[in-house]
Amino acid sequence: MVTKSSNPMHFDKRVVERFIRAGVVKREDYEKHLAALTDVESESELINMSLQDERIDDADDDEDDDDEEEG
């Protein structure tokens, strides 16, 4: 027996396939959910950021120094 889910977490894209396989969510219901989502791209804001963190780079340099002292 397949039950229709009203829990929004069941439609989370990270886990929805698991819930579909388990019979908690019908694929048709998921497709309807996706079609009903509002397009909010025009309300978004582009954020530029770097993935490097100087603190991490400094810590890596310290580890390299330790290796050189041992050798």
C-alpha atoms as a PDB file:
ATOM      1  CA  MET A   1       0.000   0.000   0.000  1.00  0.00           C
ATOM      2  CA  VAL A   2       1.435   3.352  -1.029  1.00  0.00           C
ATOM      3  CA  THR A   3       0.594   6.289   1.169  1.00  0.00           C
ATOM      4  CA  LYS A   4       0.555   9.879  -0.018  1.00  0.00           C
ATOM      5  CA  SER A   5       3.042  11.877   2.008  1.00  0.00           C
ATOM      6  CA  SER A   6       2.269  15.341   3.317  1.00  0.00           C
ATOM      7  CA  ASN A   7       5.676  15.680   4.979  1.00  0.00           C
ATOM      8  CA  PRO A   8       7.751  18.204   2.969  1.00  0.00           C
ATOM      9  CA  MET A   9      10.972  16.447   4.029  1.00  0.00           C
ATOM     10  CA  HIS A  10       9.917  13.424   2.002  1.00  0.00           C
ATOM     11  CA  PHE A  11      10.306  15.571  -1.137  1.00  0.00           C
ATOM     12  CA  ASP A  12      13.826  16.723  -0.275  1.00  0.00           C
ATOM     13  CA  LYS A  13      15.919  16.010  -3.371  1.00  0.00           C
ATOM     14  CA  ARG A  14      18.657  14.418  -1.251  1.00  0.00           C
ATOM     15  CA  VAL A  15      16.360  11.649   0.021  1.00  0.00           C
ATOM     16  CA  VAL A  16      13.293  11.535  -2.238  1.00  0.00           C
ATOM     17  CA  GLU A  17      14.515   8.574  -4.298  1.00  0.00           C
ATOM     18  CA  ARG A  18      14.840   6.539  -1.096  1.00  0.00           C
ATOM     19  CA  PHE A  19      11.256   7.405  -0.126  1.00  0.00           C
ATOM     20  CA  ILE A  20      10.003   6.544  -3.622  1.00  0.00           C
ATOM     21  CA  ARG A  21      11.708   3.124  -3.464  1.00  0.00           C
ATOM     22  CA  ALA A  22      10.256   2.545   0.017  1.00  0.00           C
ATOM     23  CA  GLY A  23       6.759   3.394  -1.213  1.00  0.00           C
ATOM     24  CA  VAL A  24       6.378   6.391   1.077  1.00  0.00           C
ATOM     25  CA  VAL A  25       6.131   8.775  -1.893  1.00  0.00           C
ATOM     26  CA  LYS A  26       4.698   8.115  -5.333  1.00  0.00           C
ATOM     27  CA  ARG A  27       6.817   9.347  -8.227  1.00  0.00           C
ATOM     28  CA  GLU A  28       3.714  11.044  -9.645  1.00  0.00           C
ATOM     29  CA  ASP A  29       3.287  12.999  -6.404  1.00  0.00           C
ATOM     30  CA  TYR A  30       6.926  14.057  -6.521  1.00  0.00           C
ATOM     31  CA  GLU A  31       6.551  15.228 -10.121  1.00  0.00           C
ATOM     32  CA  LYS A  32       3.459  17.239  -9.126  1.00  0.00           C
ATOM     33  CA  HIS A  33       5.402  18.732  -6.226  1.00  0.00           C
ATOM     34  CA  LEU A  34       8.210  19.836  -8.560  1.00  0.00           C
ATOM     35  CA  ALA A  35       5.765  21.339 -11.057  1.00  0.00           C
ATOM     36  CA  ALA A  36       4.077  23.340  -8.277  1.00  0.00           C
ATOM     37  CA  LEU A  37       7.292  24.959  -7.044  1.00  0.00           C
ATOM     38  CA  THR A  38       7.566  28.699  -7.610  1.00  0.00           C
ATOM     39  CA  ASP A  39      10.443  29.960  -9.757  1.00  0.00           C
ATOM     40  CA  VAL A  40      12.308  32.449  -7.550  1.00  0.00           C
ATOM     41  CA  GLU A  41      15.467  32.777  -9.629  1.00  0.00           C
ATOM     42  CA  SER A  42      14.656  36.432 -10.399  1.00  0.00           C
ATOM     43  CA  GLU A  43      14.722  37.155  -6.650  1.00  0.00           C
ATOM     44  CA  SER A  44      18.145  35.634  -6.144  1.00  0.00           C
ATOM     45  CA  GLU A  45      21.399  37.497  -5.620  1.00  0.00           C
ATOM     46  CA  LEU A  46      24.771  36.390  -6.960  1.00  0.00           C
ATOM     47  CA  ILE A  47      27.399  36.025  -4.250  1.00  0.00           C
ATOM     48  CA  ASN A  48      31.066  35.761  -5.177  1.00  0.00           C
ATOM     49  CA  MET A  49      33.294  34.051  -2.671  1.00  0.00           C
ATOM     50  CA  SER A  50      36.578  32.222  -2.475  1.00  0.00           C
ATOM     51  CA  LEU A  51      36.808  28.680  -1.193  1.00  0.00           C
ATOM     52  CA  GLN A  52      40.281  29.247   0.171  1.00  0.00           C
ATOM     53  CA  ASP A  53      40.734  30.071   3.808  1.00  0.00           C
ATOM     54  CA  GLU A  54      44.028  31.644   4.813  1.00  0.00           C
ATOM     55  CA  ARG A  55      43.883  30.029   8.249  1.00  0.00           C
ATOM     56  CA  ILE A  56      43.774  26.591   6.634  1.00  0.00           C
ATOM     57  CA  ASP A  57      46.650  27.506   4.317  1.00  0.00           C
ATOM     58  CA  ASP A  58      48.712  28.692   7.311  1.00  0.00           C
ATOM     59  CA  ALA A  59      48.004  25.460   9.193  1.00  0.00           C
ATOM     60  CA  ASP A  60      49.086  23.424   6.173  1.00  0.00           C
ATOM     61  CA  ASP A  61      52.340  25.413   5.999  1.00  0.00           C
ATOM     62  CA  ASP A  62      53.036  24.660   9.683  1.00  0.00           C
ATOM     63  CA  GLU A  63      52.575  20.942   9.066  1.00  0.00           C
ATOM     64  CA  ASP A  64      55.025  21.110   6.154  1.00  0.00           C
ATOM     65  CA  ASP A  65      57.582  22.789   8.412  1.00  0.00           C
ATOM     66  CA  ASP A  66      57.225  19.968  10.969  1.00  0.00           C
ATOM     67  CA  ASP A  67      57.886  17.368   8.261  1.00  0.00           C
ATOM     68  CA  GLU A  68      61.049  19.180   7.149  1.00  0.00           C
ATOM     69  CA  GLU A  69      62.403  19.308  10.718  1.00  0.00           C
ATOM     70  CA  GLU A  70      61.952  15.552  11.132  1.00  0.00           C
ATOM     71  CA  GLY A  71      63.778  14.758   7.865  1.00  0.00           C
END
